[in-house]
Each structure stands twice: as structure tokens, then as C-alpha cells.
Amino acid sequence: MMTTMFAPIIFGLLLGGFVGWVIADRRSSRKINRLDWPQLVAGLYHLDMVELSAVATDYLRPRKSQIDMEPNEIWEFLGGYDGLKRMRENAEIMLALAAYAQRWNFAEAVIVTERMRLDAALLRRAIRRVEFCLIPSRLFPRYKLTLPLHAQEASSAYYLMRQRLLFLYQTSQSDLYPKLAQAI
């Protein structure tokens, strides 16, 4: 009798947690959408794009020797979990910047923004996998090996988002492009 009562309680807690997460996500999106262009650019974290690009291109352009980068090297180049969090936060701002570009070049910006949304979904999913793997990584060595691989997947999605945004601004708003390129 007691165990049958736990199922609705657990379901209610899970549902409540999910609803809370959705509300927090919506508030964050609304907050970013209210910012103007200089505020958005100022909110971007600086990431070492030389190292991040090396990790991303290693993932995006496979070669004969597909293990050129060691898992520890990948993790170090990306800045560990803190680097992944910065990528996730920058991704949200980059989506807002792409949406902002719709004012000048609607046709291209809509398509680029949608592609970036897909990239952002891949990035978030890869980071969630990293977060999930962080829990048991001390107990199970397998998780330690997959952790940098998911991080590499996140870096490739971020790299694509960044490239798409820079090309969009280069073609549709060339006077803002240098400021964006420097900030991102």
C-alpha cells in the first residue's frame, strides 16, 4: 500500500521539476530578447577559438587517423565544464544576434537562424550528456572516456553556429561585422 503512494508523488515531483525548468528557460529567453545589439555583444564570453576550432574540426573533418586528439587534450582545449557552460550561454546570445539580423536581411537570416537553432539543440544535448556523464565518471572509467567525446560534439555545434553567424553579419551588416568578430 505504501509503495503505490510513492509513484504519484515521484511523478508529481518530476512533473513539477520539468514545469519549473520550462518556466526558467522561457524567462531567460525573454530576458535575452529584450536586449539591444550592444548589450547582446557585451554579454558574449570570450573563448579561445584557436583551440576550440581545432577540437571542432577534428570532429567535423575525419581523417585516416581519427584519434589525433586525446580525450584529456579535448577537455583541456575546451576549458572543461566551465568552457562548455560558456559555450551554452554564448549560443543563446548568438541565436538572439541572428534573430536581430532579420531586421536587415530577413530572407537569409530566417534560414540561418533556424540552422543555428538546430546546432544549438545539438550543443545543449551534448552538454546534457556531459553533465550526465560527470556523475558516474569517478566510478566507471567508460564514462570518463565518453565525456570528452560529447564535449567535442558540443564544440562542433558551437563552431558551426559561430561560423554561420559571422557569415550572416558579413553579408548583411558589414559595419557591425568587425565588432561581432572581435567579441565572439
Protein backbone atom coordinates (compact mmCIF):
# COMPACT_ATOMS: atom_id res chain seq x y z
CA MET A 1 0.00 0.00 0.00
CA MET A 2 2.79 2.36 0.88
CA THR A 3 4.70 1.74 -2.37
CA THR A 4 1.67 2.60 -4.52
CA MET A 5 1.58 6.06 -2.97
CA PHE A 6 5.17 6.78 -3.97
CA ALA A 7 4.52 6.54 -7.71
CA PRO A 8 2.17 9.58 -7.88
CA ILE A 9 4.44 11.56 -5.57
CA ILE A 10 7.50 10.84 -7.69
CA PHE A 11 5.55 11.61 -10.87
CA GLY A 12 4.37 14.89 -9.35
CA LEU A 13 7.90 15.87 -8.35
CA LEU A 14 9.24 15.09 -11.81
CA LEU A 15 6.41 16.99 -13.47
CA GLY A 16 6.92 19.94 -11.14
CA GLY A 17 10.66 19.95 -11.88
CA PHE A 18 10.01 19.89 -15.61
CA VAL A 19 7.49 22.74 -15.40
CA GLY A 20 9.97 24.77 -13.32
CA TRP A 21 12.69 24.17 -15.88
CA VAL A 22 10.40 25.28 -18.75
CA ILE A 23 9.42 28.46 -16.90
CA ALA A 24 13.05 29.31 -16.13
CA ASP A 25 14.03 28.69 -19.75
CA ARG A 26 11.25 30.96 -21.04
CA ARG A 27 12.22 33.76 -18.64
CA SER A 28 15.83 33.51 -19.76
CA SER A 29 14.80 33.70 -23.43
CA ARG A 30 12.59 36.73 -22.81
CA LYS A 31 15.39 38.48 -20.93
CA ILE A 32 17.82 37.97 -23.82
CA ASN A 33 15.25 39.08 -26.41
CA ARG A 34 14.81 42.44 -24.64
CA LEU A 35 18.48 43.36 -25.02
CA ASP A 36 19.71 45.58 -27.85
CA TRP A 37 22.67 44.75 -30.09
CA PRO A 38 25.49 46.31 -27.98
CA GLN A 39 24.16 44.62 -24.83
CA LEU A 40 24.00 41.26 -26.59
CA VAL A 41 27.55 41.52 -27.88
CA ALA A 42 28.78 42.66 -24.47
CA GLY A 43 27.22 39.54 -22.93
CA LEU A 44 29.34 37.16 -25.01
CA TYR A 45 32.09 35.25 -23.23
CA HIS A 46 35.49 35.20 -24.87
CA LEU A 47 36.51 31.66 -25.81
CA ASP A 48 39.85 30.54 -27.23
CA MET A 49 38.70 29.92 -30.78
CA VAL A 50 42.04 28.54 -31.94
CA GLU A 51 41.80 25.59 -29.56
CA LEU A 52 38.03 25.27 -29.88
CA SER A 53 38.30 25.26 -33.68
CA ALA A 54 40.98 22.57 -33.53
CA VAL A 55 38.70 20.36 -31.45
CA ALA A 56 35.65 21.07 -33.62
CA THR A 57 37.37 20.50 -36.96
CA ASP A 58 38.88 17.28 -35.63
CA TYR A 59 35.28 16.13 -35.12
CA LEU A 60 33.81 17.61 -38.33
CA ARG A 61 36.58 16.55 -40.73
CA PRO A 62 37.57 12.96 -40.02
CA ARG A 63 40.90 11.71 -41.29
CA LYS A 64 42.55 8.31 -41.54
CA SER A 65 43.93 8.56 -38.02
CA GLN A 66 40.76 9.53 -36.18
CA ILE A 67 42.27 9.72 -32.73
CA ASP A 68 44.63 12.64 -33.23
CA MET A 69 43.38 14.35 -30.09
CA GLU A 70 43.47 12.59 -26.76
CA PRO A 71 40.38 12.86 -24.51
CA ASN A 72 42.29 14.86 -21.89
CA GLU A 73 43.55 17.24 -24.56
CA ILE A 74 40.00 17.80 -25.85
CA TRP A 75 38.73 18.52 -22.35
CA GLU A 76 41.63 20.91 -21.68
CA PHE A 77 41.30 22.77 -25.00
CA LEU A 78 37.61 23.41 -24.36
CA GLY A 79 38.17 24.69 -20.85
CA GLY A 80 36.47 21.77 -19.12
CA TYR A 81 32.94 22.05 -17.86
CA ASP A 82 33.25 25.82 -17.40
CA GLY A 83 34.11 26.19 -21.08
CA LEU A 84 31.04 24.16 -22.03
CA LYS A 85 28.82 26.37 -19.87
CA ARG A 86 30.23 29.45 -21.60
CA MET A 87 29.55 27.87 -25.00
CA ARG A 88 25.94 27.17 -23.98
CA GLU A 89 25.42 30.76 -22.78
CA ASN A 90 27.08 32.22 -25.88
CA ALA A 91 24.87 30.00 -28.06
CA GLU A 92 21.73 31.63 -26.63
CA ILE A 93 23.15 35.08 -27.30
CA MET A 94 24.24 34.10 -30.81
CA LEU A 95 20.67 32.97 -31.56
CA ALA A 96 19.41 36.37 -30.43
CA LEU A 97 22.03 38.08 -32.62
CA ALA A 98 20.92 36.01 -35.62
CA ALA A 99 17.30 36.92 -34.95
CA TYR A 100 18.40 40.57 -34.65
CA ALA A 101 19.93 40.33 -38.15
CA GLN A 102 16.48 39.61 -39.55
CA ARG A 103 15.89 43.37 -39.48
CA TRP A 104 18.38 43.84 -42.33
CA ASN A 105 18.27 40.61 -44.27
CA PHE A 106 15.08 38.75 -43.45
CA ALA A 107 15.21 36.01 -46.08
CA GLU A 108 18.72 34.79 -45.32
CA ALA A 109 18.61 35.47 -41.57
CA VAL A 110 15.50 33.33 -41.06
CA ILE A 111 17.18 30.33 -42.64
CA VAL A 112 20.48 30.90 -40.83
CA THR A 113 18.67 31.36 -37.51
CA GLU A 114 16.82 28.09 -37.98
CA ARG A 115 20.04 26.25 -38.81
CA MET A 116 21.61 27.79 -35.73
CA ARG A 117 18.66 26.64 -33.61
CA LEU A 118 19.32 23.09 -34.77
CA ASP A 119 23.01 23.49 -33.93
CA ALA A 120 22.08 24.90 -30.52
CA ALA A 121 19.86 21.89 -29.86
CA LEU A 122 22.82 19.60 -30.65
CA LEU A 123 25.04 21.66 -28.37
CA ARG A 124 22.58 21.53 -25.47
CA ARG A 125 22.07 17.79 -25.92
CA ALA A 126 25.82 17.15 -25.95
CA ILE A 127 26.30 19.27 -22.82
CA ARG A 128 23.47 17.41 -21.06
CA ARG A 129 25.28 14.17 -21.89
CA VAL A 130 28.47 15.60 -20.41
CA GLU A 131 26.57 16.61 -17.27
CA PHE A 132 25.06 13.14 -17.06
CA CYS A 133 28.49 11.52 -17.50
CA LEU A 134 30.06 13.71 -14.82
CA ILE A 135 28.04 11.94 -12.13
CA PRO A 136 29.30 8.37 -12.57
CA SER A 137 32.67 9.19 -14.19
CA ARG A 138 34.56 8.52 -10.97
CA LEU A 139 33.03 5.10 -10.55
CA PHE A 140 33.00 3.88 -14.14
CA PRO A 141 36.02 4.50 -16.39
CA ARG A 142 33.87 4.21 -19.54
CA TYR A 143 32.11 7.47 -18.71
CA LYS A 144 35.47 9.23 -18.36
CA LEU A 145 36.27 8.32 -21.98
CA THR A 146 32.92 9.42 -23.42
CA LEU A 147 32.91 12.74 -21.56
CA PRO A 148 35.37 14.50 -23.92
CA LEU A 149 33.69 12.96 -26.95
CA HIS A 150 30.38 14.60 -26.05
CA ALA A 151 32.30 17.80 -25.32
CA GLN A 152 33.83 17.56 -28.80
CA GLU A 153 30.34 17.21 -30.28
CA ALA A 154 29.28 20.35 -28.38
CA SER A 155 32.31 22.25 -29.68
CA SER A 156 31.48 21.31 -33.27
CA ALA A 157 27.91 22.62 -32.89
CA TYR A 158 29.23 25.84 -31.35
CA TYR A 159 31.81 26.20 -34.12
CA LEU A 160 29.10 25.87 -36.78
CA MET A 161 26.87 28.39 -35.01
CA ARG A 162 29.70 30.88 -34.78
CA GLN A 163 30.63 30.47 -38.45
CA ARG A 164 27.01 30.83 -39.58
CA LEU A 165 26.54 33.99 -37.52
CA LEU A 166 29.76 35.60 -38.71
CA PHE A 167 28.95 34.92 -42.37
CA LEU A 168 25.42 36.25 -41.88
CA TYR A 169 26.73 39.53 -40.48
CA GLN A 170 29.47 39.72 -43.08
CA THR A 171 26.90 39.62 -45.88
CA SER A 172 24.03 41.54 -44.32
CA GLN A 173 25.53 44.06 -41.87
CA SER A 174 29.17 44.58 -42.72
CA ASP A 175 29.58 47.63 -40.46
CA LEU A 176 28.72 45.52 -37.35
CA TYR A 177 30.72 42.52 -38.50
CA PRO A 178 34.14 43.65 -37.14
CA LYS A 179 32.71 44.30 -33.67
CA LEU A 180 30.98 40.93 -33.66
CA ALA A 181 34.05 39.08 -34.94
CA GLN A 182 36.17 40.63 -32.23
CA ALA A 183 33.68 39.84 -29.46
CA ILE A 184 32.95 36.31 -30.50
